[in-house]
């Protein structure tokens, strides 16, 4: 397959946000409402300081919630969405995107191996072992382990 030597790239025009208009966040979804309510409890109970560990624990807790447990947060999110649409009727989520610099993507430093499903995976870095410890702590706290 042969590619042309000179490939023309279109330049994206940056939309300049009006200085007079304030930045309006999008309404939170159900998971964000759950995070907002539970973050302080998990932080205090598990004595965690970094937000990445707290978010990992809360993500596991969200997945372990039943549909009835999650329904509460879906109702809250729906109410937030309705309030947001009343406060900002002309707002569109596309208004906010593209105004911030993108984060650089990074590649994982650990290799992916084929572990058999019967074996528990062994952590390859201290970060992975910390995450596994937190996940075990959450499962124990919720009575699943």
C-alpha atoms as a PDB file:
ATOM      1  CA  UNK A   1       0.000   0.000   0.000  1.00  0.00           C
ATOM      2  CA  UNK A   2       1.423   3.317  -1.023  1.00  0.00           C
ATOM      3  CA  UNK A   3       0.727   6.579   0.788  1.00  0.00           C
ATOM      4  CA  UNK A   4       1.208  10.027  -0.685  1.00  0.00           C
ATOM      5  CA  UNK A   5       4.387  11.757   0.377  1.00  0.00           C
ATOM      6  CA  UNK A   6       2.622  14.918   1.459  1.00  0.00           C
ATOM      7  CA  UNK A   7      -0.502  14.486   3.539  1.00  0.00           C
ATOM      8  CA  UNK A   8      -2.518  17.597   4.166  1.00  0.00           C
ATOM      9  CA  UNK A   9      -3.924  17.931   7.622  1.00  0.00           C
ATOM     10  CA  UNK A  10      -6.826  20.147   8.384  1.00  0.00           C
ATOM     11  CA  UNK A  11      -6.322  22.562  11.193  1.00  0.00           C
ATOM     12  CA  UNK A  12      -9.033  22.575  13.780  1.00  0.00           C
ATOM     13  CA  UNK A  13     -10.294  25.973  14.616  1.00  0.00           C
ATOM     14  CA  UNK A  14     -10.441  26.576  18.297  1.00  0.00           C
ATOM     15  CA  UNK A  15     -13.683  27.986  19.474  1.00  0.00           C
ATOM     16  CA  UNK A  16     -13.019  30.878  21.734  1.00  0.00           C
ATOM     17  CA  UNK A  17     -15.299  30.942  24.719  1.00  0.00           C
ATOM     18  CA  UNK A  18     -16.842  34.286  25.461  1.00  0.00           C
ATOM     19  CA  UNK A  19     -15.173  35.928  28.413  1.00  0.00           C
ATOM     20  CA  UNK A  20     -18.545  37.157  29.634  1.00  0.00           C
ATOM     21  CA  UNK A  21     -19.984  33.655  29.878  1.00  0.00           C
ATOM     22  CA  UNK A  22     -19.041  31.622  32.959  1.00  0.00           C
ATOM     23  CA  UNK A  23     -17.844  28.056  32.633  1.00  0.00           C
ATOM     24  CA  UNK A  24     -20.804  25.778  33.320  1.00  0.00           C
ATOM     25  CA  UNK A  25     -20.109  22.205  34.358  1.00  0.00           C
ATOM     26  CA  UNK A  26     -22.280  19.408  33.086  1.00  0.00           C
ATOM     27  CA  UNK A  27     -24.715  17.852  35.574  1.00  0.00           C
ATOM     28  CA  UNK A  28     -23.350  14.908  37.574  1.00  0.00           C
ATOM     29  CA  UNK A  29     -24.285  11.366  36.663  1.00  0.00           C
ATOM     30  CA  UNK A  30     -25.381   8.732  39.195  1.00  0.00           C
ATOM     31  CA  UNK A  31     -21.848   7.550  39.928  1.00  0.00           C
ATOM     32  CA  UNK A  32     -20.651  11.103  40.572  1.00  0.00           C
ATOM     33  CA  UNK A  33     -23.536  11.620  43.022  1.00  0.00           C
ATOM     34  CA  UNK A  34     -22.492   8.389  44.757  1.00  0.00           C
ATOM     35  CA  UNK A  35     -18.863   9.581  44.934  1.00  0.00           C
ATOM     36  CA  UNK A  36     -19.874  12.934  46.382  1.00  0.00           C
ATOM     37  CA  UNK A  37     -21.939  11.304  49.121  1.00  0.00           C
ATOM     38  CA  UNK A  38     -19.587   8.453  50.049  1.00  0.00           C
ATOM     39  CA  UNK A  39     -16.072   9.927  49.581  1.00  0.00           C
ATOM     40  CA  UNK A  40     -15.706  11.370  53.093  1.00  0.00           C
ATOM     41  CA  UNK A  41     -17.020   8.184  54.744  1.00  0.00           C
ATOM     42  CA  UNK A  42     -14.547   5.963  52.892  1.00  0.00           C
ATOM     43  CA  UNK A  43     -11.685   8.386  53.451  1.00  0.00           C
ATOM     44  CA  UNK A  44     -12.299   8.450  57.208  1.00  0.00           C
ATOM     45  CA  UNK A  45     -13.098   4.762  57.632  1.00  0.00           C
ATOM     46  CA  UNK A  46     -10.158   3.397  55.642  1.00  0.00           C
ATOM     47  CA  UNK A  47      -7.690   6.155  56.544  1.00  0.00           C
ATOM     48  CA  UNK A  48      -6.782   6.814  52.907  1.00  0.00           C
ATOM     49  CA  UNK A  49      -5.257  10.110  51.849  1.00  0.00           C
ATOM     50  CA  UNK A  50      -4.752   9.945  48.089  1.00  0.00           C
ATOM     51  CA  UNK A  51      -7.802  10.354  45.916  1.00  0.00           C
ATOM     52  CA  UNK A  52      -6.812   7.587  43.484  1.00  0.00           C
ATOM     53  CA  UNK A  53      -7.120   4.932  46.204  1.00  0.00           C
ATOM     54  CA  UNK A  54     -10.394   6.403  47.442  1.00  0.00           C
ATOM     55  CA  UNK A  55     -11.792   6.410  43.904  1.00  0.00           C
ATOM     56  CA  UNK A  56     -10.684   2.799  43.408  1.00  0.00           C
ATOM     57  CA  UNK A  57     -12.495   1.739  46.567  1.00  0.00           C
ATOM     58  CA  UNK A  58     -15.605   3.700  45.615  1.00  0.00           C
ATOM     59  CA  UNK A  59     -15.586   2.167  42.140  1.00  0.00           C
ATOM     60  CA  UNK A  60     -15.573  -1.316  43.664  1.00  0.00           C
ATOM     61  CA  UNK A  61     -18.335  -0.321  46.060  1.00  0.00           C
ATOM     62  CA  UNK A  62     -20.443   1.040  43.172  1.00  0.00           C
ATOM     63  CA  UNK A  63     -20.082  -2.203  41.241  1.00  0.00           C
ATOM     64  CA  UNK A  64     -21.115  -4.200  44.298  1.00  0.00           C
ATOM     65  CA  UNK A  65     -24.260  -2.110  44.889  1.00  0.00           C
ATOM     66  CA  UNK A  66     -27.540  -3.724  43.902  1.00  0.00           C
ATOM     67  CA  UNK A  67     -29.801  -2.122  41.320  1.00  0.00           C
ATOM     68  CA  UNK A  68     -32.023  -0.860  44.142  1.00  0.00           C
ATOM     69  CA  UNK A  69     -29.024   0.755  45.821  1.00  0.00           C
ATOM     70  CA  UNK A  70     -27.954   2.419  42.593  1.00  0.00           C
ATOM     71  CA  UNK A  71     -31.527   3.542  41.821  1.00  0.00           C
ATOM     72  CA  UNK A  72     -31.308   6.115  44.630  1.00  0.00           C
ATOM     73  CA  UNK A  73     -28.372   7.801  42.920  1.00  0.00           C
ATOM     74  CA  UNK A  74     -29.993   7.628  39.488  1.00  0.00           C
ATOM     75  CA  UNK A  75     -32.969   9.542  40.914  1.00  0.00           C
ATOM     76  CA  UNK A  76     -30.635  12.159  42.420  1.00  0.00           C
ATOM     77  CA  UNK A  77     -28.777  12.487  39.107  1.00  0.00           C
ATOM     78  CA  UNK A  78     -32.050  12.875  37.213  1.00  0.00           C
ATOM     79  CA  UNK A  79     -33.145  15.651  39.575  1.00  0.00           C
ATOM     80  CA  UNK A  80     -29.751  17.372  39.140  1.00  0.00           C
ATOM     81  CA  UNK A  81     -30.098  17.109  35.367  1.00  0.00           C
ATOM     82  CA  UNK A  82     -33.573  18.679  35.428  1.00  0.00           C
ATOM     83  CA  UNK A  83     -32.382  21.502  37.690  1.00  0.00           C
ATOM     84  CA  UNK A  84     -29.395  22.104  35.413  1.00  0.00           C
ATOM     85  CA  UNK A  85     -31.611  22.295  32.329  1.00  0.00           C
ATOM     86  CA  UNK A  86     -33.846  24.846  34.097  1.00  0.00           C
ATOM     87  CA  UNK A  87     -30.914  26.985  35.217  1.00  0.00           C
ATOM     88  CA  UNK A  88     -29.087  26.828  31.870  1.00  0.00           C
ATOM     89  CA  UNK A  89     -31.663  26.186  29.105  1.00  0.00           C
ATOM     90  CA  UNK A  90     -29.292  27.106  26.258  1.00  0.00           C
ATOM     91  CA  UNK A  91     -26.372  25.051  27.606  1.00  0.00           C
ATOM     92  CA  UNK A  92     -24.915  22.239  25.547  1.00  0.00           C
ATOM     93  CA  UNK A  93     -22.204  19.841  26.640  1.00  0.00           C
ATOM     94  CA  UNK A  94     -20.323  20.535  23.417  1.00  0.00           C
ATOM     95  CA  UNK A  95     -19.862  24.155  24.529  1.00  0.00           C
ATOM     96  CA  UNK A  96     -17.343  23.121  27.165  1.00  0.00           C
ATOM     97  CA  UNK A  97     -15.368  20.483  25.321  1.00  0.00           C
ATOM     98  CA  UNK A  98     -12.297  21.370  23.326  1.00  0.00           C
ATOM     99  CA  UNK A  99     -11.514  24.398  25.468  1.00  0.00           C
ATOM    100  CA  UNK A 100      -9.056  22.586  27.709  1.00  0.00           C
ATOM    101  CA  UNK A 101      -5.724  21.058  26.805  1.00  0.00           C
ATOM    102  CA  UNK A 102      -5.774  17.328  26.345  1.00  0.00           C
ATOM    103  CA  UNK A 103      -3.838  15.129  28.699  1.00  0.00           C
ATOM    104  CA  UNK A 104      -1.027  13.102  27.271  1.00  0.00           C
ATOM    105  CA  UNK A 105      -1.747   9.428  27.045  1.00  0.00           C
ATOM    106  CA  UNK A 106       0.745   7.038  28.522  1.00  0.00           C
ATOM    107  CA  UNK A 107       1.485   3.394  27.876  1.00  0.00           C
ATOM    108  CA  UNK A 108       1.350   0.787  30.569  1.00  0.00           C
ATOM    109  CA  UNK A 109       4.749  -0.289  31.823  1.00  0.00           C
ATOM    110  CA  UNK A 110       3.644  -3.748  32.872  1.00  0.00           C
ATOM    111  CA  UNK A 111       3.272  -6.538  30.383  1.00  0.00           C
ATOM    112  CA  UNK A 112      -0.034  -8.350  30.062  1.00  0.00           C
ATOM    113  CA  UNK A 113       0.263 -12.058  30.787  1.00  0.00           C
ATOM    114  CA  UNK A 114      -2.200 -14.886  30.397  1.00  0.00           C
ATOM    115  CA  UNK A 115      -2.944 -15.982  33.954  1.00  0.00           C
ATOM    116  CA  UNK A 116      -5.226 -18.913  34.427  1.00  0.00           C
ATOM    117  CA  UNK A 117      -8.561 -17.937  35.987  1.00  0.00           C
ATOM    118  CA  UNK A 118      -7.997 -20.275  38.962  1.00  0.00           C
ATOM    119  CA  UNK A 119      -4.901 -18.433  40.139  1.00  0.00           C
ATOM    120  CA  UNK A 120      -5.005 -15.088  41.871  1.00  0.00           C
ATOM    121  CA  UNK A 121      -2.997 -12.545  39.900  1.00  0.00           C
ATOM    122  CA  UNK A 122       0.292 -11.466  41.402  1.00  0.00           C
ATOM    123  CA  UNK A 123       0.943  -7.730  41.493  1.00  0.00           C
ATOM    124  CA  UNK A 124       3.764  -6.535  39.263  1.00  0.00           C
ATOM    125  CA  UNK A 125       4.244  -3.120  40.870  1.00  0.00           C
ATOM    126  CA  UNK A 126       3.759  -1.627  44.301  1.00  0.00           C
ATOM    127  CA  UNK A 127       0.824   0.372  42.925  1.00  0.00           C
ATOM    128  CA  UNK A 128      -0.919  -2.811  41.796  1.00  0.00           C
ATOM    129  CA  UNK A 129      -0.319  -4.476  45.154  1.00  0.00           C
ATOM    130  CA  UNK A 130      -1.774  -1.409  46.911  1.00  0.00           C
ATOM    131  CA  UNK A 131      -4.867  -1.570  44.691  1.00  0.00           C
ATOM    132  CA  UNK A 132      -5.289  -5.285  45.385  1.00  0.00           C
ATOM    133  CA  UNK A 133      -4.952  -4.658  49.132  1.00  0.00           C
ATOM    134  CA  UNK A 134      -7.619  -1.962  48.959  1.00  0.00           C
ATOM    135  CA  UNK A 135      -9.946  -4.155  46.910  1.00  0.00           C
ATOM    136  CA  UNK A 136      -9.566  -6.980  49.460  1.00  0.00           C
ATOM    137  CA  UNK A 137     -10.255  -4.516  52.267  1.00  0.00           C
ATOM    138  CA  UNK A 138     -13.421  -3.293  50.517  1.00  0.00           C
ATOM    139  CA  UNK A 139     -14.683  -6.817  49.901  1.00  0.00           C
ATOM    140  CA  UNK A 140     -14.028  -7.719  53.524  1.00  0.00           C
ATOM    141  CA  UNK A 141     -15.748  -4.530  54.703  1.00  0.00           C
ATOM    142  CA  UNK A 142     -18.821  -5.339  52.583  1.00  0.00           C
ATOM    143  CA  UNK A 143     -18.877  -8.962  53.742  1.00  0.00           C
ATOM    144  CA  UNK A 144     -18.162 -10.461  50.319  1.00  0.00           C
ATOM    145  CA  UNK A 145     -14.871 -12.118  51.221  1.00  0.00           C
END
